[in-house]
Amino acid sequence: MKVGQVGIPAKDLERAIVFYRDLLELPLLFNTETMAFFSSNNVRLLISLPEKKKFAHASSVIYFQIENIQETYKAFLNKGVTFINEPYCVAKMGQSETWMAFFKDTEDNTHALMSEIQI
């Protein structure tokens, strides 16, 4: 079984589109008045306005796997992405380390950059 799509709630769809398309540089597949679909490798991200007020809450954390966390962190920081923390090592496993840096999107959802570094 594989993940095909992840839903991310938005309060302001146009603002969210700008964030995911322009700051994170994810390809925008298409959008409607209430939804926008992006591609993140083989996973589709659905950014949508909540159908009802009870669904207006933050999403699960999405971990975006990248090659160079320091380089991506600096590039995103320069674009205005709001980070919760600088990149740091969360685990050492044999000859590799897992590094993460958590950030907020414009809709107050928390996500992370994640990188496996060979040591």
Protein backbone atom coordinates (compact mmCIF):
# COMPACT_ATOMS: atom_id res chain seq x y z
CA MET A 1 0.00 0.00 0.00
CA LYS A 2 1.27 3.48 -0.82
CA VAL A 3 0.15 6.98 0.06
CA GLY A 4 -1.56 8.54 -2.94
CA GLN A 5 -2.73 11.87 -1.56
CA VAL A 6 -2.41 13.96 1.61
CA GLY A 7 -5.01 16.58 2.51
CA ILE A 8 -3.87 19.88 4.01
CA PRO A 9 -6.48 22.35 5.28
CA ALA A 10 -6.29 26.00 4.27
CA LYS A 11 -7.90 29.16 5.59
CA ASP A 12 -6.95 31.24 2.52
CA LEU A 13 -6.51 29.12 -0.61
CA GLU A 14 -4.76 31.76 -2.74
CA ARG A 15 -2.22 32.45 0.01
CA ALA A 16 -1.62 28.69 0.40
CA ILE A 17 -1.14 28.25 -3.36
CA VAL A 18 1.54 30.94 -3.37
CA PHE A 19 3.30 29.26 -0.42
CA TYR A 20 3.37 25.72 -1.84
CA ARG A 21 4.00 26.76 -5.46
CA ASP A 22 6.40 29.69 -5.06
CA LEU A 23 8.18 29.08 -1.76
CA LEU A 24 8.32 25.27 -1.63
CA GLU A 25 8.45 25.07 -5.46
CA LEU A 26 5.99 22.18 -5.72
CA PRO A 27 4.35 21.80 -9.14
CA LEU A 28 0.72 22.97 -9.14
CA LEU A 29 -1.28 20.32 -11.01
CA PHE A 30 -4.58 22.24 -11.05
CA ASN A 31 -6.92 24.17 -8.79
CA THR A 32 -10.61 25.00 -8.34
CA GLU A 33 -12.31 27.65 -6.21
CA THR A 34 -11.91 25.53 -3.06
CA MET A 35 -8.99 23.14 -3.78
CA ALA A 36 -5.48 23.06 -5.20
CA PHE A 37 -3.54 19.92 -6.13
CA PHE A 38 0.26 19.76 -6.04
CA SER A 39 2.73 17.01 -6.87
CA SER A 40 5.44 15.95 -4.45
CA ASN A 41 7.16 13.12 -6.32
CA ASN A 42 4.61 10.29 -6.26
CA VAL A 43 2.34 11.83 -3.61
CA ARG A 44 -0.36 14.36 -4.45
CA LEU A 45 -1.02 17.14 -1.94
CA LEU A 46 -4.58 18.45 -1.75
CA ILE A 47 -4.79 21.93 -0.24
CA SER A 48 -8.43 22.73 0.45
CA LEU A 49 -10.80 25.02 2.24
CA PRO A 50 -12.73 23.04 4.89
CA GLU A 51 -16.20 21.89 3.84
CA LYS A 52 -17.49 22.63 7.35
CA LYS A 53 -16.19 24.67 10.28
CA LYS A 54 -15.55 21.50 12.33
CA PHE A 55 -12.91 20.47 9.75
CA ALA A 56 -10.99 23.77 10.05
CA HIS A 57 -7.91 22.57 11.97
CA ALA A 58 -4.21 22.00 11.40
CA SER A 59 -3.07 18.95 9.45
CA SER A 60 -0.65 16.13 10.19
CA VAL A 61 3.04 16.90 9.82
CA ILE A 62 4.35 16.21 6.32
CA TYR A 63 8.04 15.34 6.19
CA PHE A 64 9.57 16.47 2.88
CA GLN A 65 12.64 14.31 2.19
CA ILE A 66 15.45 16.32 0.60
CA GLU A 67 19.12 15.76 -0.25
CA ASN A 68 20.84 18.74 1.40
CA ILE A 69 18.99 20.05 4.46
CA GLN A 70 21.36 22.96 5.14
CA GLU A 71 21.15 24.25 1.57
CA THR A 72 17.36 23.86 1.34
CA TYR A 73 16.88 25.40 4.79
CA LYS A 74 18.87 28.51 3.77
CA ALA A 75 17.04 28.80 0.42
CA PHE A 76 13.60 28.52 2.07
CA LEU A 77 14.61 30.92 4.84
CA ASN A 78 15.67 33.47 2.22
CA LYS A 79 12.24 33.13 0.57
CA GLY A 80 10.49 33.92 3.85
CA VAL A 81 9.51 30.45 5.10
CA THR A 82 9.02 30.58 8.88
CA PHE A 83 11.06 27.87 10.60
CA ILE A 84 10.41 26.64 14.13
CA ASN A 85 14.01 25.52 14.48
CA GLU A 86 17.29 25.25 12.59
CA PRO A 87 18.23 21.84 11.12
CA TYR A 88 19.34 19.39 13.79
CA CYS A 89 20.21 15.71 14.10
CA VAL A 90 17.31 13.66 15.48
CA ALA A 91 18.85 10.18 15.18
CA LYS A 92 22.12 8.40 14.43
CA MET A 93 21.83 4.94 12.89
CA GLY A 94 25.07 3.22 11.97
CA GLN A 95 26.68 5.22 9.18
CA SER A 96 23.84 7.73 8.76
CA GLU A 97 22.15 10.57 10.61
CA THR A 98 18.59 11.81 10.21
CA TRP A 99 18.32 15.59 10.25
CA MET A 100 15.13 17.67 10.44
CA ALA A 101 13.98 21.27 10.43
CA PHE A 102 10.36 22.11 11.20
CA PHE A 103 8.49 25.01 9.59
CA LYS A 104 5.01 26.57 9.40
CA ASP A 105 3.03 27.12 6.25
CA THR A 106 0.82 30.18 5.77
CA GLU A 107 -2.18 28.25 7.14
CA ASP A 108 -0.45 27.46 10.48
CA ASN A 109 0.22 23.80 9.60
CA THR A 110 3.58 22.38 10.74
CA HIS A 111 5.75 20.46 8.27
CA ALA A 112 9.39 19.40 8.20
CA LEU A 113 12.40 19.08 5.97
CA MET A 114 14.08 15.70 6.46
CA SER A 115 17.47 14.53 5.23
CA GLU A 116 19.44 11.29 5.62
CA ILE A 117 23.14 12.14 5.83
CA GLN A 118 25.89 9.55 5.42
CA ILE A 119 28.69 9.99 7.97
